[in-house]
Protein backbone atom coordinates (compact mmCIF):
# COMPACT_ATOMS: atom_id res chain seq x y z
CA MET A 1 24.20 95.81 208.64
CA SER A 2 25.22 96.86 205.38
CA LEU A 3 24.76 95.22 201.93
CA LEU A 4 28.24 94.04 201.55
CA ASP A 5 28.63 92.46 205.09
CA SER A 6 25.07 90.49 204.34
CA ILE A 7 26.48 89.10 201.31
CA ALA A 8 29.54 88.30 202.47
CA ALA A 9 27.72 86.93 205.56
CA MET A 10 26.25 84.19 202.94
CA ASN A 11 29.22 82.86 202.21
CA PRO A 12 32.83 84.80 202.22
CA VAL A 13 34.46 81.67 200.87
CA ILE A 14 32.57 81.90 198.01
CA ILE A 15 32.81 85.66 197.35
CA TRP A 16 36.84 85.90 198.26
CA ALA A 17 36.88 82.41 195.07
CA ILE A 18 35.35 84.61 192.94
CA ALA A 19 37.38 87.73 194.03
CA GLY A 20 40.75 85.74 193.26
CA VAL A 21 39.52 84.15 189.88
CA VAL A 22 38.13 88.07 188.81
CA LEU A 23 42.24 89.22 190.29
CA LEU A 24 43.47 86.39 187.76
CA ILE A 25 41.35 87.33 184.94
CA ALA A 26 42.47 90.96 184.95
CA GLU A 27 45.98 89.93 185.60
CA VAL A 28 46.22 87.83 181.91
CA LEU A 29 44.43 90.75 180.16
CA MET A 30 46.59 93.26 181.48
CA ALA A 31 49.80 91.39 181.78
CA THR A 32 51.42 93.30 184.42
CA SER A 33 52.53 91.06 187.31
CA PHE A 34 51.45 93.44 189.93
CA ILE A 35 47.72 92.19 190.14
CA ILE A 36 48.89 88.49 190.98
CA PRO A 37 49.37 89.15 194.68
CA PHE A 38 46.40 90.26 195.18
CA SER A 39 44.66 87.38 193.49
CA VAL A 40 46.78 84.83 195.66
CA ALA A 41 45.97 87.02 198.71
CA ALA A 42 41.50 86.51 197.98
CA PHE A 43 42.35 83.01 197.50
CA ILE A 44 44.81 82.70 200.78
CA VAL A 45 41.88 84.29 202.81
CA ALA A 46 39.24 82.42 201.39
CA ALA A 47 41.08 79.08 202.72
CA LEU A 48 41.56 80.36 205.68
CA THR A 49 37.75 81.73 206.18
CA TRP A 50 36.84 77.85 205.11
CA LEU A 51 38.99 76.51 207.79
CA LYS A 52 37.75 78.91 210.62
CA LEU A 53 40.94 79.76 211.26
CA LEU A 54 39.88 84.00 210.35
CA PRO A 55 37.17 85.71 212.11
CA MET A 56 33.99 85.64 209.60
CA GLY A 57 33.58 90.12 209.68
CA LEU A 58 34.18 91.18 206.85
CA LEU A 59 36.65 93.91 208.43
CA TRP A 60 39.01 91.62 209.44
CA GLN A 61 38.59 89.00 205.89
CA GLY A 62 39.29 92.83 204.20
CA LEU A 63 42.57 94.29 206.71
CA THR A 64 43.62 90.37 206.15
CA PHE A 65 43.52 90.77 202.54
CA ALA A 66 45.07 93.88 201.97
CA VAL A 67 48.19 93.49 204.90
CA LEU A 68 48.36 89.91 202.28
CA GLY A 69 48.57 91.67 199.02
CA VAL A 70 51.25 94.49 200.66
CA CYS A 71 53.00 91.76 201.74
CA LEU A 72 52.87 89.16 198.86
CA ILE A 73 54.14 92.06 196.38
CA PRO A 74 57.83 91.58 197.16
CA VAL A 75 58.08 87.94 197.17
CA CYS A 76 55.63 87.43 193.54
CA ARG A 77 58.33 90.15 192.39
CA ARG A 78 61.19 88.29 193.26
CA LEU A 79 59.63 84.83 191.60
CA LEU A 80 58.77 86.46 189.04
CA LEU A 81 62.63 87.91 187.97
CA ARG A 82 63.89 84.20 188.82
CA THR A 83 61.59 82.60 186.53
CA ALA A 84 61.66 85.71 183.74
CA GLY A 85 65.51 84.70 182.19
CA LYS A 86 64.78 82.05 181.65
CA THR A 87 62.92 81.90 178.63
CA PRO A 88 64.32 81.33 176.16
CA ASP A 89 64.17 84.48 173.30
CA ILE A 90 62.97 83.62 170.36
CA ASN A 91 64.82 86.25 168.75
CA ARG A 92 68.26 84.88 168.94
CA TYR A 93 69.94 82.15 166.72
């Protein structure tokens, strides 16, 4: 068992939640709106692991994170584009 597997075996829910928070902080610092889907995917993997709906192996959790992250890109993009046009422009009178 590798070091990463032993760390994930301790409490994978906390690890995925921390990953989600770290990705959210990176999104706030960079403001690119590209990291949001991966942060959401990390929180979903944490919830699925906590509910015991996801196998405990790090491989399955990582694959679920990757697939969810890629699949959530168009969803988050559509939501962000929908809300981006509704903010008032402070430069117009």
